[in-house]
Amino acid sequence: MFLGMRNFVILCPMSIKTILIHGALGSAKQMQPLADMLGADVICIDLPGHGKLADDSVSYSVAAMGEEVLKHLDGPTKVIGYSMGGYVALWLAAMHPEKVKSVVTIATKFDWTPEGAQQEVRMLNADKILEKVPAFAKLLEDRHRKHWPDVMQRTADMMLALGNTPILTQKVLEKLKCPVLIVRGSEDSMVSKAESLWAERLIPNARYAELKGQPHPLEKVNLSLLVNLLKTSE
């Protein structure tokens, strides 16, 4: 009987305790350094149409991305989302509360308006990025291969749609049941403290935490500070 139990343990896959969701224009590669520092039982995934899935002709929407994440959850799971990934994580927690143990959003924008979305997408021009910021173009090519201009265009379309019809409304945020940690860098020029505190007030079991001196891009964030915050908040 002991031998049978032992074989059972070996053959069963280890349950995932934490899943990391990348941001807009990101991929699983973007989140891997953070996953490595967080330790075991943590995985990063590519959202539909990103990274290894960049050639998939899927609809870019928060709902479609949330449904893809759902496929990886075999039980109540902690979900950490960076930027747009945090938006997806909160939608998933609202729609499927039985699958989400807790959510951490990092540098997630909540205040989506038509004007704000227009401002965001002005920077999402593949030709201009190739000309003005070739290093960023190379990074995007590394993440999405030759599909990166299409990823950028579909991301722009999704942002414009969010600007016209935000998904995380007051009603949706108020129905969230799991604990939520809203993390923002004090030097984040894309996400305001005001919008982060707005979300904190609406979510019943939410807490706001600020990383002093940290900007929006995850690649420029001091991951040691972030990991320390995440581990002390558990």
C-alpha atoms as a PDB file:
ATOM      1  CA  MET A   1       0.000   0.000   0.000  1.00  0.00           C
ATOM      2  CA  PHE A   2       2.864   2.348   0.817  1.00  0.00           C
ATOM      3  CA  LEU A   3       4.468   1.651  -2.571  1.00  0.00           C
ATOM      4  CA  GLY A   4       1.209   2.445  -4.353  1.00  0.00           C
ATOM      5  CA  MET A   5       0.881   5.748  -2.524  1.00  0.00           C
ATOM      6  CA  ARG A   6       4.456   6.614  -3.425  1.00  0.00           C
ATOM      7  CA  ASN A   7       3.882   5.934  -7.120  1.00  0.00           C
ATOM      8  CA  PHE A   8       0.731   8.053  -7.009  1.00  0.00           C
ATOM      9  CA  VAL A   9       2.605  11.026  -5.623  1.00  0.00           C
ATOM     10  CA  ILE A  10       5.326  10.750  -8.240  1.00  0.00           C
ATOM     11  CA  LEU A  11       2.922  10.535 -11.158  1.00  0.00           C
ATOM     12  CA  CYS A  12       0.618  13.370 -10.097  1.00  0.00           C
ATOM     13  CA  PRO A  13       1.614  16.841 -11.425  1.00  0.00           C
ATOM     14  CA  MET A  14       2.501  19.452  -8.835  1.00  0.00           C
ATOM     15  CA  SER A  15      -0.407  21.834  -8.349  1.00  0.00           C
ATOM     16  CA  ILE A  16       0.213  25.413  -9.406  1.00  0.00           C
ATOM     17  CA  LYS A  17       0.076  27.860  -6.523  1.00  0.00           C
ATOM     18  CA  THR A  18       0.818  31.064  -8.409  1.00  0.00           C
ATOM     19  CA  ILE A  19       0.380  32.113 -12.023  1.00  0.00           C
ATOM     20  CA  LEU A  20       1.926  35.245 -13.545  1.00  0.00           C
ATOM     21  CA  ILE A  21       0.243  37.208 -16.352  1.00  0.00           C
ATOM     22  CA  HIS A  22       2.263  39.572 -18.511  1.00  0.00           C
ATOM     23  CA  GLY A  23       1.228  43.029 -19.649  1.00  0.00           C
ATOM     24  CA  ALA A  24       0.263  44.487 -23.029  1.00  0.00           C
ATOM     25  CA  LEU A  25       2.930  43.735 -25.672  1.00  0.00           C
ATOM     26  CA  GLY A  26       4.494  41.331 -23.170  1.00  0.00           C
ATOM     27  CA  SER A  27       4.890  37.575 -23.027  1.00  0.00           C
ATOM     28  CA  ALA A  28       5.771  34.854 -20.568  1.00  0.00           C
ATOM     29  CA  LYS A  29       9.424  35.853 -21.050  1.00  0.00           C
ATOM     30  CA  GLN A  30       8.648  39.247 -19.501  1.00  0.00           C
ATOM     31  CA  MET A  31       7.529  37.611 -16.251  1.00  0.00           C
ATOM     32  CA  GLN A  32      10.133  34.840 -15.986  1.00  0.00           C
ATOM     33  CA  PRO A  33      12.701  36.814 -13.919  1.00  0.00           C
ATOM     34  CA  LEU A  34       9.997  37.566 -11.347  1.00  0.00           C
ATOM     35  CA  ALA A  35       8.857  33.928 -11.370  1.00  0.00           C
ATOM     36  CA  ASP A  36      12.425  32.743 -10.772  1.00  0.00           C
ATOM     37  CA  MET A  37      12.711  34.970  -7.713  1.00  0.00           C
ATOM     38  CA  LEU A  38       9.346  33.925  -6.290  1.00  0.00           C
ATOM     39  CA  GLY A  39      10.366  30.263  -6.222  1.00  0.00           C
ATOM     40  CA  ALA A  40       8.630  26.949  -6.832  1.00  0.00           C
ATOM     41  CA  ASP A  41       5.043  26.341  -7.921  1.00  0.00           C
ATOM     42  CA  VAL A  42       4.998  29.514 -10.060  1.00  0.00           C
ATOM     43  CA  ILE A  43       4.376  29.564 -13.804  1.00  0.00           C
ATOM     44  CA  CYS A  44       4.226  32.240 -16.500  1.00  0.00           C
ATOM     45  CA  ILE A  45       1.894  31.924 -19.477  1.00  0.00           C
ATOM     46  CA  ASP A  46       1.512  33.566 -22.854  1.00  0.00           C
ATOM     47  CA  LEU A  47      -1.854  35.230 -23.318  1.00  0.00           C
ATOM     48  CA  PRO A  48      -3.682  34.541 -26.603  1.00  0.00           C
ATOM     49  CA  GLY A  49      -1.936  36.210 -29.522  1.00  0.00           C
ATOM     50  CA  HIS A  50       1.293  36.827 -27.564  1.00  0.00           C
ATOM     51  CA  GLY A  51       4.694  35.175 -27.331  1.00  0.00           C
ATOM     52  CA  LYS A  52       4.572  31.574 -28.532  1.00  0.00           C
ATOM     53  CA  LEU A  53       0.886  32.124 -29.343  1.00  0.00           C
ATOM     54  CA  ALA A  54       1.504  35.301 -31.361  1.00  0.00           C
ATOM     55  CA  ASP A  55       0.424  33.726 -34.636  1.00  0.00           C
ATOM     56  CA  ASP A  56      -2.975  32.705 -33.259  1.00  0.00           C
ATOM     57  CA  SER A  57      -5.785  34.611 -34.971  1.00  0.00           C
ATOM     58  CA  VAL A  58      -7.708  35.258 -31.766  1.00  0.00           C
ATOM     59  CA  SER A  59      -9.760  38.213 -30.666  1.00  0.00           C
ATOM     60  CA  TYR A  60      -7.862  40.551 -28.368  1.00  0.00           C
ATOM     61  CA  SER A  61     -10.170  41.109 -25.426  1.00  0.00           C
ATOM     62  CA  VAL A  62      -9.989  40.951 -21.639  1.00  0.00           C
ATOM     63  CA  ALA A  63     -12.578  38.169 -21.624  1.00  0.00           C
ATOM     64  CA  ALA A  64     -10.718  36.023 -24.177  1.00  0.00           C
ATOM     65  CA  MET A  65      -7.470  36.439 -22.264  1.00  0.00           C
ATOM     66  CA  GLY A  66      -9.158  35.613 -18.973  1.00  0.00           C
ATOM     67  CA  GLU A  67     -10.612  32.428 -20.425  1.00  0.00           C
ATOM     68  CA  GLU A  68      -7.139  31.375 -21.567  1.00  0.00           C
ATOM     69  CA  VAL A  69      -5.749  31.872 -18.053  1.00  0.00           C
ATOM     70  CA  LEU A  70      -8.666  29.868 -16.677  1.00  0.00           C
ATOM     71  CA  LYS A  71      -7.450  26.802 -18.575  1.00  0.00           C
ATOM     72  CA  HIS A  72      -4.336  26.756 -16.384  1.00  0.00           C
ATOM     73  CA  LEU A  73      -6.174  26.863 -13.057  1.00  0.00           C
ATOM     74  CA  ASP A  74      -6.933  23.452 -11.559  1.00  0.00           C
ATOM     75  CA  GLY A  75      -7.982  24.894  -8.213  1.00  0.00           C
ATOM     76  CA  PRO A  76      -7.947  28.139  -6.212  1.00  0.00           C
ATOM     77  CA  THR A  77      -4.813  29.882  -7.439  1.00  0.00           C
ATOM     78  CA  LYS A  78      -2.970  33.089  -6.630  1.00  0.00           C
ATOM     79  CA  VAL A  79      -2.865  35.262  -9.765  1.00  0.00           C
ATOM     80  CA  ILE A  80      -0.298  38.037 -10.210  1.00  0.00           C
ATOM     81  CA  GLY A  81      -0.771  40.330 -13.182  1.00  0.00           C
ATOM     82  CA  TYR A  82       1.469  43.087 -14.465  1.00  0.00           C
ATOM     83  CA  SER A  83      -0.189  46.108 -16.101  1.00  0.00           C
ATOM     84  CA  MET A  84      -2.872  44.756 -18.459  1.00  0.00           C
ATOM     85  CA  GLY A  85      -2.282  41.343 -16.900  1.00  0.00           C
ATOM     86  CA  GLY A  86      -3.614  42.695 -13.626  1.00  0.00           C
ATOM     87  CA  TYR A  87      -6.747  43.893 -15.399  1.00  0.00           C
ATOM     88  CA  VAL A  88      -7.256  40.396 -16.795  1.00  0.00           C
ATOM     89  CA  ALA A  89      -6.622  38.852 -13.381  1.00  0.00           C
ATOM     90  CA  LEU A  90      -9.339  40.954 -11.733  1.00  0.00           C
ATOM     91  CA  TRP A  91     -11.831  40.125 -14.490  1.00  0.00           C
ATOM     92  CA  LEU A  92     -11.047  36.442 -13.975  1.00  0.00           C
ATOM     93  CA  ALA A  93     -11.543  36.737 -10.210  1.00  0.00           C
ATOM     94  CA  ALA A  94     -14.884  38.470 -10.706  1.00  0.00           C
ATOM     95  CA  MET A  95     -16.185  35.964 -13.269  1.00  0.00           C
ATOM     96  CA  HIS A  96     -14.743  32.790 -11.698  1.00  0.00           C
ATOM     97  CA  PRO A  97     -14.322  33.436  -7.957  1.00  0.00           C
ATOM     98  CA  GLU A  98     -14.038  29.718  -7.186  1.00  0.00           C
ATOM     99  CA  LYS A  99     -10.811  29.518  -9.204  1.00  0.00           C
ATOM    100  CA  VAL A 100      -8.948  32.538  -7.820  1.00  0.00           C
ATOM    101  CA  LYS A 101      -7.505  32.497  -4.318  1.00  0.00           C
ATOM    102  CA  SER A 102      -6.084  36.032  -4.441  1.00  0.00           C
ATOM    103  CA  VAL A 103      -4.954  38.676  -6.927  1.00  0.00           C
ATOM    104  CA  VAL A 104      -1.967  40.990  -7.078  1.00  0.00           C
ATOM    105  CA  THR A 105      -1.996  43.756  -9.662  1.00  0.00           C
ATOM    106  CA  ILE A 106       1.277  45.481 -10.512  1.00  0.00           C
ATOM    107  CA  ALA A 107       1.151  48.828 -12.342  1.00  0.00           C
ATOM    108  CA  THR A 108      -2.390  48.194 -13.567  1.00  0.00           C
ATOM    109  CA  LYS A 109      -4.355  51.010 -15.168  1.00  0.00           C
ATOM    110  CA  PHE A 110      -7.976  51.331 -14.020  1.00  0.00           C
ATOM    111  CA  ASP A 111      -8.984  54.693 -15.464  1.00  0.00           C
ATOM    112  CA  TRP A 112      -9.820  53.876 -19.091  1.00  0.00           C
ATOM    113  CA  THR A 113     -11.444  56.689 -21.065  1.00  0.00           C
ATOM    114  CA  PRO A 114     -11.638  57.413 -24.814  1.00  0.00           C
ATOM    115  CA  GLU A 115      -9.167  60.284 -24.433  1.00  0.00           C
ATOM    116  CA  GLY A 116      -6.765  58.266 -22.282  1.00  0.00           C
ATOM    117  CA  ALA A 117      -6.851  55.309 -24.658  1.00  0.00           C
ATOM    118  CA  GLN A 118      -6.118  57.588 -27.623  1.00  0.00           C
ATOM    119  CA  GLN A 119      -3.097  58.919 -25.787  1.00  0.00           C
ATOM    120  CA  GLU A 120      -1.825  55.409 -25.043  1.00  0.00           C
ATOM    121  CA  VAL A 121      -2.137  54.150 -28.624  1.00  0.00           C
ATOM    122  CA  ARG A 122      -0.248  57.102 -30.100  1.00  0.00           C
ATOM    123  CA  MET A 123       2.914  55.324 -29.016  1.00  0.00           C
ATOM    124  CA  LEU A 124       1.885  52.024 -30.623  1.00  0.00           C
ATOM    125  CA  ASN A 125       3.117  52.630 -34.159  1.00  0.00           C
ATOM    126  CA  ALA A 126       5.383  49.874 -35.479  1.00  0.00           C
ATOM    127  CA  ASP A 127       7.026  51.981 -38.203  1.00  0.00           C
ATOM    128  CA  LYS A 128       7.891  54.792 -35.787  1.00  0.00           C
ATOM    129  CA  ILE A 129       9.239  52.340 -33.209  1.00  0.00           C
ATOM    130  CA  LEU A 130      11.481  50.731 -35.831  1.00  0.00           C
ATOM    131  CA  GLU A 131      12.793  54.173 -36.733  1.00  0.00           C
ATOM    132  CA  LYS A 132      13.007  55.844 -33.334  1.00  0.00           C
ATOM    133  CA  VAL A 133      13.417  52.983 -30.836  1.00  0.00           C
ATOM    134  CA  PRO A 134      15.023  50.027 -32.648  1.00  0.00           C
ATOM    135  CA  ALA A 135      16.076  48.420 -29.363  1.00  0.00           C
ATOM    136  CA  PHE A 136      12.414  48.196 -28.303  1.00  0.00           C
ATOM    137  CA  ALA A 137      11.501  46.759 -31.706  1.00  0.00           C
ATOM    138  CA  LYS A 138      14.155  44.084 -31.216  1.00  0.00           C
ATOM    139  CA  LEU A 139      12.735  43.265 -27.774  1.00  0.00           C
ATOM    140  CA  LEU A 140       9.242  42.881 -29.240  1.00  0.00           C
ATOM    141  CA  GLU A 141      10.604  40.687 -32.027  1.00  0.00           C
ATOM    142  CA  ASP A 142      12.271  38.479 -29.422  1.00  0.00           C
ATOM    143  CA  ARG A 143       8.932  38.094 -27.644  1.00  0.00           C
ATOM    144  CA  HIS A 144       6.589  37.691 -30.610  1.00  0.00           C
ATOM    145  CA  ARG A 145       8.868  36.931 -33.565  1.00  0.00           C
ATOM    146  CA  LYS A 146       7.776  38.430 -36.889  1.00  0.00           C
ATOM    147  CA  HIS A 147       4.250  38.917 -35.559  1.00  0.00           C
ATOM    148  CA  TRP A 148       5.118  41.840 -33.278  1.00  0.00           C
ATOM    149  CA  PRO A 149       3.651  44.615 -35.512  1.00  0.00           C
ATOM    150  CA  ASP A 150       0.352  42.711 -35.588  1.00  0.00           C
ATOM    151  CA  VAL A 151       0.491  42.224 -31.815  1.00  0.00           C
ATOM    152  CA  MET A 152       0.975  45.969 -31.458  1.00  0.00           C
ATOM    153  CA  GLN A 153      -1.953  46.834 -33.731  1.00  0.00           C
ATOM    154  CA  ARG A 154      -4.308  44.427 -32.004  1.00  0.00           C
ATOM    155  CA  THR A 155      -3.197  45.778 -28.639  1.00  0.00           C
ATOM    156  CA  ALA A 156      -3.992  49.301 -29.799  1.00  0.00           C
ATOM    157  CA  ASP A 157      -7.445  48.178 -30.922  1.00  0.00           C
ATOM    158  CA  MET A 158      -8.073  46.528 -27.560  1.00  0.00           C
ATOM    159  CA  MET A 159      -7.044  49.669 -25.682  1.00  0.00           C
ATOM    160  CA  LEU A 160      -9.383  51.806 -27.768  1.00  0.00           C
ATOM    161  CA  ALA A 161     -12.208  49.370 -27.050  1.00  0.00           C
ATOM    162  CA  LEU A 162     -11.448  49.573 -23.317  1.00  0.00           C
ATOM    163  CA  GLY A 163     -11.453  53.345 -23.519  1.00  0.00           C
ATOM    164  CA  ASN A 164     -14.962  53.263 -24.931  1.00  0.00           C
ATOM    165  CA  THR A 165     -16.243  50.436 -22.732  1.00  0.00           C
ATOM    166  CA  PRO A 166     -14.188  49.719 -19.600  1.00  0.00           C
ATOM    167  CA  ILE A 167     -14.601  46.146 -18.344  1.00  0.00           C
ATOM    168  CA  LEU A 168     -13.733  46.697 -14.687  1.00  0.00           C
ATOM    169  CA  THR A 169     -16.634  48.939 -13.759  1.00  0.00           C
ATOM    170  CA  GLN A 170     -17.607  49.889 -10.230  1.00  0.00           C
ATOM    171  CA  LYS A 171     -20.177  47.079 -10.229  1.00  0.00           C
ATOM    172  CA  VAL A 172     -17.585  44.472 -11.235  1.00  0.00           C
ATOM    173  CA  LEU A 173     -14.979  45.612  -8.723  1.00  0.00           C
ATOM    174  CA  GLU A 174     -17.501  45.642  -5.880  1.00  0.00           C
ATOM    175  CA  LYS A 175     -18.386  41.985  -6.481  1.00  0.00           C
ATOM    176  CA  LEU A 176     -14.809  40.742  -6.037  1.00  0.00           C
ATOM    177  CA  LYS A 177     -14.541  38.354  -3.097  1.00  0.00           C
ATOM    178  CA  CYS A 178     -10.867  37.399  -2.907  1.00  0.00           C
ATOM    179  CA  PRO A 179      -8.067  39.444  -1.314  1.00  0.00           C
ATOM    180  CA  VAL A 180      -6.502  41.919  -3.746  1.00  0.00           C
ATOM    181  CA  LEU A 181      -3.171  43.712  -3.452  1.00  0.00           C
ATOM    182  CA  ILE A 182      -2.796  46.740  -5.728  1.00  0.00           C
ATOM    183  CA  VAL A 183       0.893  47.556  -6.252  1.00  0.00           C
ATOM    184  CA  ARG A 184       2.096  50.739  -7.930  1.00  0.00           C
ATOM    185  CA  GLY A 185       5.509  52.337  -8.242  1.00  0.00           C
ATOM    186  CA  SER A 186       5.644  55.890  -6.933  1.00  0.00           C
ATOM    187  CA  GLU A 187       7.294  57.003 -10.199  1.00  0.00           C
ATOM    188  CA  ASP A 188       4.760  55.304 -12.476  1.00  0.00           C
ATOM    189  CA  SER A 189       3.796  57.932 -15.054  1.00  0.00           C
ATOM    190  CA  MET A 190       1.206  55.708 -16.769  1.00  0.00           C
ATOM    191  CA  VAL A 191      -0.859  54.691 -13.733  1.00  0.00           C
ATOM    192  CA  SER A 192      -1.943  57.300 -11.200  1.00  0.00           C
ATOM    193  CA  LYS A 193      -2.159  56.870  -7.465  1.00  0.00           C
ATOM    194  CA  ALA A 194      -5.692  58.279  -7.603  1.00  0.00           C
ATOM    195  CA  GLU A 195      -7.011  55.554  -9.921  1.00  0.00           C
ATOM    196  CA  SER A 196      -5.285  52.856  -7.873  1.00  0.00           C
ATOM    197  CA  LEU A 197      -6.876  54.142  -4.666  1.00  0.00           C
ATOM    198  CA  TRP A 198     -10.233  54.339  -6.456  1.00  0.00           C
ATOM    199  CA  ALA A 199     -10.022  50.619  -7.172  1.00  0.00           C
ATOM    200  CA  GLU A 200      -8.868  49.905  -3.623  1.00  0.00           C
ATOM    201  CA  ARG A 201     -11.929  51.666  -2.188  1.00  0.00           C
ATOM    202  CA  LEU A 202     -14.341  49.721  -4.383  1.00  0.00           C
ATOM    203  CA  ILE A 203     -12.870  46.226  -3.935  1.00  0.00           C
ATOM    204  CA  PRO A 204     -14.131  44.869  -0.585  1.00  0.00           C
ATOM    205  CA  ASN A 205     -10.897  43.129   0.452  1.00  0.00           C
ATOM    206  CA  ALA A 206      -8.233  45.242  -1.238  1.00  0.00           C
ATOM    207  CA  ARG A 207      -5.042  46.925  -0.081  1.00  0.00           C
ATOM    208  CA  TYR A 208      -2.852  49.481  -1.848  1.00  0.00           C
ATOM    209  CA  ALA A 209       0.941  49.319  -1.637  1.00  0.00           C
ATOM    210  CA  GLU A 210       3.462  51.676  -3.202  1.00  0.00           C
ATOM    211  CA  LEU A 211       7.002  50.837  -4.274  1.00  0.00           C
ATOM    212  CA  LYS A 212       9.071  53.935  -3.619  1.00  0.00           C
ATOM    213  CA  GLY A 213      11.040  55.218  -6.581  1.00  0.00           C
ATOM    214  CA  GLN A 214       9.854  52.547  -9.015  1.00  0.00           C
ATOM    215  CA  PRO A 215       8.609  53.303 -12.579  1.00  0.00           C
ATOM    216  CA  HIS A 216       6.001  51.583 -14.755  1.00  0.00           C
ATOM    217  CA  PRO A 217       8.111  49.283 -16.977  1.00  0.00           C
ATOM    218  CA  LEU A 218       8.622  45.976 -15.179  1.00  0.00           C
ATOM    219  CA  GLU A 219      12.060  45.660 -16.765  1.00  0.00           C
ATOM    220  CA  LYS A 220      13.152  48.769 -14.824  1.00  0.00           C
ATOM    221  CA  VAL A 221      11.591  47.807 -11.487  1.00  0.00           C
ATOM    222  CA  ASN A 222      13.803  46.616  -8.615  1.00  0.00           C
ATOM    223  CA  LEU A 223      12.490  43.064  -8.462  1.00  0.00           C
ATOM    224  CA  SER A 224      14.023  42.446  -5.041  1.00  0.00           C
ATOM    225  CA  LEU A 225      11.832  45.212  -3.597  1.00  0.00           C
ATOM    226  CA  LEU A 226       8.795  43.821  -5.401  1.00  0.00           C
ATOM    227  CA  VAL A 227       9.406  40.224  -4.288  1.00  0.00           C
ATOM    228  CA  ASN A 228       9.932  41.331  -0.705  1.00  0.00           C
ATOM    229  CA  LEU A 229       6.612  43.187  -0.794  1.00  0.00           C
ATOM    230  CA  LEU A 230       4.798  40.206  -2.296  1.00  0.00           C
ATOM    231  CA  LYS A 231       6.210  37.749   0.215  1.00  0.00           C
ATOM    232  CA  THR A 232       5.540  39.940   3.251  1.00  0.00           C
ATOM    233  CA  SER A 233       1.977  40.508   2.048  1.00  0.00           C
ATOM    234  CA  GLU A 234       1.080  36.803   1.939  1.00  0.00           C
END
